[in-house]
Amino acid sequence: MATVTSAAVAIPSFTGLKAGVSASKPTTARVSTTTTSIPKLSINSSLKDFGVAVAATAASAILASSAMALDVTLGSDDGGLVFLPQSFEVASGEKIVFKNNAGFPHNVVFDEDEVPAGVDVSKISMSEEDLLNAKGETYVVTLTTPGTYSFYCSPHQGAGMVGKVTVK
């Protein structure tokens, strides 16, 4: 516990004294001090409270960074040939990170017939020959034109490995 205290100090006054002249009459002064009550400060904190604050700050930082990129998993943990999530929304300019997980090889190809008008799919798709061949490999794309985009994995399109993203 921290405590703040105050102290009063009386300083004598030497008014009326002049060099070489003696005062004919003594001067008296009355000094009065008033003590004001200052509230006591106390700090009650525990390591648990501190830990909660640190965790909340870290969570905020993670959420803030996640707000700038969306992760899409290629292949489910049980080997299913899917995009997870299969359908999602992003803000214009938000990064989409496609991350290889299981059932590879995979790629990400946008369907030229199912993208907004004017979008060149060759600039946002992997080539059909490019493949992600190992767990953890990624393909990152940023979409800026609002609308709905359909995409697929060319080796597994026939097995239903397709997805859809809406850009707001």
C-alpha atoms as a PDB file:
ATOM      1  CA  MET A   1       0.000   0.000   0.000  1.00  0.00           C
ATOM      2  CA  ALA A   2       1.323   3.444  -0.868  1.00  0.00           C
ATOM      3  CA  THR A   3       0.679   6.457   1.349  1.00  0.00           C
ATOM      4  CA  VAL A   4       1.075  10.127   0.521  1.00  0.00           C
ATOM      5  CA  THR A   5       1.661  12.531   3.433  1.00  0.00           C
ATOM      6  CA  SER A   6       2.148  16.274   3.668  1.00  0.00           C
ATOM      7  CA  ALA A   7       4.237  18.489   5.905  1.00  0.00           C
ATOM      8  CA  ALA A   8       3.926  22.168   6.759  1.00  0.00           C
ATOM      9  CA  VAL A   9       7.043  24.294   7.152  1.00  0.00           C
ATOM     10  CA  ALA A  10       7.060  27.775   8.733  1.00  0.00           C
ATOM     11  CA  ILE A  11       9.545  30.225   7.235  1.00  0.00           C
ATOM     12  CA  PRO A  12      10.287  33.336   9.349  1.00  0.00           C
ATOM     13  CA  SER A  13       9.711  36.679   7.705  1.00  0.00           C
ATOM     14  CA  PHE A  14      12.503  39.253   7.743  1.00  0.00           C
ATOM     15  CA  THR A  15      10.539  42.153   6.390  1.00  0.00           C
ATOM     16  CA  GLY A  16      11.305  45.358   8.197  1.00  0.00           C
ATOM     17  CA  LEU A  17      15.020  44.602   8.491  1.00  0.00           C
ATOM     18  CA  LYS A  18      17.256  46.923   6.634  1.00  0.00           C
ATOM     19  CA  ALA A  19      21.001  46.864   6.473  1.00  0.00           C
ATOM     20  CA  GLY A  20      22.574  49.193   9.043  1.00  0.00           C
ATOM     21  CA  VAL A  21      19.258  50.158  10.656  1.00  0.00           C
ATOM     22  CA  SER A  22      17.863  48.566  13.770  1.00  0.00           C
ATOM     23  CA  ALA A  23      14.173  48.152  14.208  1.00  0.00           C
ATOM     24  CA  SER A  24      12.748  50.299  16.949  1.00  0.00           C
ATOM     25  CA  LYS A  25       9.780  48.098  17.565  1.00  0.00           C
ATOM     26  CA  PRO A  26       9.723  44.284  17.385  1.00  0.00           C
ATOM     27  CA  THR A  27       7.421  42.867  14.774  1.00  0.00           C
ATOM     28  CA  THR A  28       5.486  39.725  15.439  1.00  0.00           C
ATOM     29  CA  ALA A  29       3.793  37.541  12.950  1.00  0.00           C
ATOM     30  CA  ARG A  30       1.409  34.761  13.464  1.00  0.00           C
ATOM     31  CA  VAL A  31       1.790  31.753  11.226  1.00  0.00           C
ATOM     32  CA  SER A  32      -1.055  29.389  10.939  1.00  0.00           C
ATOM     33  CA  THR A  33      -0.887  26.101   9.081  1.00  0.00           C
ATOM     34  CA  THR A  34      -3.728  24.026   7.855  1.00  0.00           C
ATOM     35  CA  THR A  35      -3.305  20.369   7.115  1.00  0.00           C
ATOM     36  CA  THR A  36      -5.502  19.036   4.385  1.00  0.00           C
ATOM     37  CA  SER A  37      -6.321  15.422   4.149  1.00  0.00           C
ATOM     38  CA  ILE A  38      -4.870  13.802   1.069  1.00  0.00           C
ATOM     39  CA  PRO A  39      -6.531  10.587   0.020  1.00  0.00           C
ATOM     40  CA  LYS A  40      -4.447   7.493   0.429  1.00  0.00           C
ATOM     41  CA  LEU A  41      -3.600   5.679  -2.737  1.00  0.00           C
ATOM     42  CA  SER A  42      -3.710   1.966  -2.803  1.00  0.00           C
ATOM     43  CA  ILE A  43      -2.840  -0.405  -5.562  1.00  0.00           C
ATOM     44  CA  ASN A  44      -4.459  -3.777  -5.460  1.00  0.00           C
ATOM     45  CA  SER A  45      -3.269  -5.920  -8.297  1.00  0.00           C
ATOM     46  CA  SER A  46      -2.439  -9.522  -8.589  1.00  0.00           C
ATOM     47  CA  LEU A  47      -0.511 -11.523 -11.094  1.00  0.00           C
ATOM     48  CA  LYS A  48      -3.802 -12.982 -12.261  1.00  0.00           C
ATOM     49  CA  ASP A  49      -5.182  -9.513 -13.105  1.00  0.00           C
ATOM     50  CA  PHE A  50      -1.969  -8.682 -14.916  1.00  0.00           C
ATOM     51  CA  GLY A  51      -2.120 -11.956 -16.850  1.00  0.00           C
ATOM     52  CA  VAL A  52      -5.710 -11.293 -17.915  1.00  0.00           C
ATOM     53  CA  ALA A  53      -4.708  -7.849 -19.207  1.00  0.00           C
ATOM     54  CA  VAL A  54      -1.792  -9.296 -21.163  1.00  0.00           C
ATOM     55  CA  ALA A  55      -3.990 -12.038 -22.640  1.00  0.00           C
ATOM     56  CA  ALA A  56      -6.648  -9.515 -23.659  1.00  0.00           C
ATOM     57  CA  THR A  57      -4.035  -7.338 -25.351  1.00  0.00           C
ATOM     58  CA  ALA A  58      -2.575 -10.319 -27.204  1.00  0.00           C
ATOM     59  CA  ALA A  59      -6.039 -11.440 -28.315  1.00  0.00           C
ATOM     60  CA  SER A  60      -6.779  -7.951 -29.619  1.00  0.00           C
ATOM     61  CA  ALA A  61      -3.539  -7.941 -31.591  1.00  0.00           C
ATOM     62  CA  ILE A  62      -4.304 -11.351 -33.079  1.00  0.00           C
ATOM     63  CA  LEU A  63      -7.816 -10.310 -34.041  1.00  0.00           C
ATOM     64  CA  ALA A  64      -6.550  -7.100 -35.565  1.00  0.00           C
ATOM     65  CA  SER A  65      -4.019  -8.937 -37.689  1.00  0.00           C
ATOM     66  CA  SER A  66      -6.583 -11.591 -38.630  1.00  0.00           C
ATOM     67  CA  ALA A  67      -8.914  -8.871 -39.810  1.00  0.00           C
ATOM     68  CA  MET A  68      -6.450  -8.193 -42.609  1.00  0.00           C
ATOM     69  CA  ALA A  69      -6.267 -11.797 -43.885  1.00  0.00           C
ATOM     70  CA  LEU A  70      -8.600 -14.769 -44.101  1.00  0.00           C
ATOM     71  CA  ASP A  71      -7.193 -18.303 -43.946  1.00  0.00           C
ATOM     72  CA  VAL A  72      -8.752 -21.012 -46.108  1.00  0.00           C
ATOM     73  CA  THR A  73      -7.632 -24.595 -45.505  1.00  0.00           C
ATOM     74  CA  LEU A  74      -7.155 -26.907 -48.497  1.00  0.00           C
ATOM     75  CA  GLY A  75      -8.199 -30.418 -47.429  1.00  0.00           C
ATOM     76  CA  SER A  76      -9.818 -31.327 -44.117  1.00  0.00           C
ATOM     77  CA  ASP A  77      -7.907 -32.971 -41.268  1.00  0.00           C
ATOM     78  CA  ASP A  78      -9.570 -36.296 -42.097  1.00  0.00           C
ATOM     79  CA  GLY A  79      -8.403 -36.075 -45.734  1.00  0.00           C
ATOM     80  CA  GLY A  80     -11.619 -34.687 -47.212  1.00  0.00           C
ATOM     81  CA  LEU A  81     -11.193 -32.874 -50.520  1.00  0.00           C
ATOM     82  CA  VAL A  82     -12.699 -29.532 -49.491  1.00  0.00           C
ATOM     83  CA  PHE A  83     -11.945 -25.866 -48.988  1.00  0.00           C
ATOM     84  CA  LEU A  84     -12.585 -24.824 -45.358  1.00  0.00           C
ATOM     85  CA  PRO A  85     -14.547 -22.614 -45.260  1.00  0.00           C
ATOM     86  CA  GLN A  86     -16.183 -23.436 -48.572  1.00  0.00           C
ATOM     87  CA  SER A  87     -18.083 -20.147 -48.843  1.00  0.00           C
ATOM     88  CA  PHE A  88     -17.048 -16.854 -47.209  1.00  0.00           C
ATOM     89  CA  GLU A  89     -16.990 -13.056 -47.464  1.00  0.00           C
ATOM     90  CA  VAL A  90     -14.044 -10.638 -47.453  1.00  0.00           C
ATOM     91  CA  ALA A  91     -13.642  -6.900 -47.692  1.00  0.00           C
ATOM     92  CA  SER A  92     -12.226  -5.482 -50.893  1.00  0.00           C
ATOM     93  CA  GLY A  93      -8.433  -5.578 -50.609  1.00  0.00           C
ATOM     94  CA  GLU A  94      -8.379  -8.191 -47.843  1.00  0.00           C
ATOM     95  CA  LYS A  95      -5.843 -10.993 -48.336  1.00  0.00           C
ATOM     96  CA  ILE A  96      -7.020 -14.574 -48.668  1.00  0.00           C
ATOM     97  CA  VAL A  97      -4.432 -17.164 -47.644  1.00  0.00           C
ATOM     98  CA  PHE A  98      -5.085 -20.647 -49.050  1.00  0.00           C
ATOM     99  CA  LYS A  99      -3.096 -23.087 -46.898  1.00  0.00           C
ATOM    100  CA  ASN A 100      -2.380 -26.671 -47.880  1.00  0.00           C
ATOM    101  CA  ASN A 101      -3.422 -29.155 -45.199  1.00  0.00           C
ATOM    102  CA  ALA A 102      -4.266 -32.667 -46.418  1.00  0.00           C
ATOM    103  CA  GLY A 103      -5.187 -34.655 -49.517  1.00  0.00           C
ATOM    104  CA  PHE A 104      -2.732 -32.739 -51.694  1.00  0.00           C
ATOM    105  CA  PRO A 105      -1.665 -31.809 -54.300  1.00  0.00           C
ATOM    106  CA  HIS A 106      -4.001 -28.808 -54.552  1.00  0.00           C
ATOM    107  CA  ASN A 107      -4.239 -25.517 -56.389  1.00  0.00           C
ATOM    108  CA  VAL A 108      -6.640 -22.564 -56.525  1.00  0.00           C
ATOM    109  CA  VAL A 109      -8.190 -21.648 -59.874  1.00  0.00           C
ATOM    110  CA  PHE A 110     -10.912 -19.012 -60.277  1.00  0.00           C
ATOM    111  CA  ASP A 111     -13.674 -19.912 -62.749  1.00  0.00           C
ATOM    112  CA  GLU A 112     -13.585 -17.373 -65.601  1.00  0.00           C
ATOM    113  CA  ASP A 113     -17.358 -17.651 -66.054  1.00  0.00           C
ATOM    114  CA  GLU A 114     -18.099 -16.978 -62.366  1.00  0.00           C
ATOM    115  CA  VAL A 115     -16.198 -13.820 -61.454  1.00  0.00           C
ATOM    116  CA  PRO A 116     -17.250 -10.152 -61.682  1.00  0.00           C
ATOM    117  CA  ALA A 117     -17.111  -8.591 -65.164  1.00  0.00           C
ATOM    118  CA  GLY A 118     -13.692  -7.257 -66.084  1.00  0.00           C
ATOM    119  CA  VAL A 119     -11.708  -9.489 -63.707  1.00  0.00           C
ATOM    120  CA  ASP A 120      -8.793 -11.311 -65.386  1.00  0.00           C
ATOM    121  CA  VAL A 121      -8.701 -14.755 -63.724  1.00  0.00           C
ATOM    122  CA  SER A 122      -5.154 -15.395 -64.970  1.00  0.00           C
ATOM    123  CA  LYS A 123      -3.975 -12.646 -62.580  1.00  0.00           C
ATOM    124  CA  ILE A 124      -5.682 -14.113 -59.500  1.00  0.00           C
ATOM    125  CA  SER A 125      -5.476 -17.900 -60.145  1.00  0.00           C
ATOM    126  CA  MET A 126      -2.666 -20.387 -59.849  1.00  0.00           C
ATOM    127  CA  SER A 127      -1.948 -22.004 -63.206  1.00  0.00           C
ATOM    128  CA  GLU A 128      -3.547 -25.409 -63.583  1.00  0.00           C
ATOM    129  CA  GLU A 129      -0.059 -26.956 -63.606  1.00  0.00           C
ATOM    130  CA  ASP A 130       1.116 -25.203 -60.403  1.00  0.00           C
ATOM    131  CA  LEU A 131       0.387 -27.321 -57.360  1.00  0.00           C
ATOM    132  CA  LEU A 132       0.826 -27.040 -53.618  1.00  0.00           C
ATOM    133  CA  ASN A 133       2.525 -30.342 -52.822  1.00  0.00           C
ATOM    134  CA  ALA A 134       3.258 -30.213 -49.095  1.00  0.00           C
ATOM    135  CA  LYS A 135       1.420 -29.440 -45.883  1.00  0.00           C
ATOM    136  CA  GLY A 136       1.708 -25.772 -44.947  1.00  0.00           C
ATOM    137  CA  GLU A 137       2.419 -24.429 -48.445  1.00  0.00           C
ATOM    138  CA  THR A 138       0.323 -21.364 -49.226  1.00  0.00           C
ATOM    139  CA  TYR A 139      -1.137 -19.340 -52.062  1.00  0.00           C
ATOM    140  CA  VAL A 140      -2.143 -15.753 -51.283  1.00  0.00           C
ATOM    141  CA  VAL A 141      -4.532 -13.645 -53.353  1.00  0.00           C
ATOM    142  CA  THR A 142      -6.084 -10.210 -52.832  1.00  0.00           C
ATOM    143  CA  LEU A 143      -9.403  -9.477 -54.533  1.00  0.00           C
ATOM    144  CA  THR A 144     -10.471  -5.853 -55.012  1.00  0.00           C
ATOM    145  CA  THR A 145     -13.455  -5.918 -57.386  1.00  0.00           C
ATOM    146  CA  PRO A 146     -16.728  -6.372 -55.452  1.00  0.00           C
ATOM    147  CA  GLY A 147     -18.835  -9.379 -56.402  1.00  0.00           C
ATOM    148  CA  THR A 148     -18.950 -13.168 -56.176  1.00  0.00           C
ATOM    149  CA  TYR A 149     -16.037 -15.345 -57.283  1.00  0.00           C
ATOM    150  CA  SER A 150     -16.174 -19.141 -57.724  1.00  0.00           C
ATOM    151  CA  PHE A 151     -12.959 -21.157 -57.451  1.00  0.00           C
ATOM    152  CA  TYR A 152     -11.881 -24.772 -57.520  1.00  0.00           C
ATOM    153  CA  CYS A 153      -8.932 -27.143 -57.115  1.00  0.00           C
ATOM    154  CA  SER A 154      -8.235 -28.471 -60.625  1.00  0.00           C
ATOM    155  CA  PRO A 155      -7.035 -31.962 -59.533  1.00  0.00           C
ATOM    156  CA  HIS A 156     -10.115 -32.413 -57.308  1.00  0.00           C
ATOM    157  CA  GLN A 157     -12.853 -30.338 -58.959  1.00  0.00           C
ATOM    158  CA  GLY A 158     -14.654 -33.549 -60.023  1.00  0.00           C
ATOM    159  CA  ALA A 159     -14.649 -34.674 -56.367  1.00  0.00           C
ATOM    160  CA  GLY A 160     -16.427 -31.465 -55.388  1.00  0.00           C
ATOM    161  CA  MET A 161     -13.481 -29.371 -54.172  1.00  0.00           C
ATOM    162  CA  VAL A 162     -15.024 -26.002 -55.044  1.00  0.00           C
ATOM    163  CA  GLY A 163     -15.586 -22.750 -53.172  1.00  0.00           C
ATOM    164  CA  LYS A 164     -17.120 -19.313 -53.385  1.00  0.00           C
ATOM    165  CA  VAL A 165     -16.028 -15.918 -52.058  1.00  0.00           C
ATOM    166  CA  THR A 166     -18.042 -12.706 -51.981  1.00  0.00           C
ATOM    167  CA  VAL A 167     -16.048  -9.478 -52.006  1.00  0.00           C
ATOM    168  CA  LYS A 168     -17.831  -6.550 -50.345  1.00  0.00           C
END
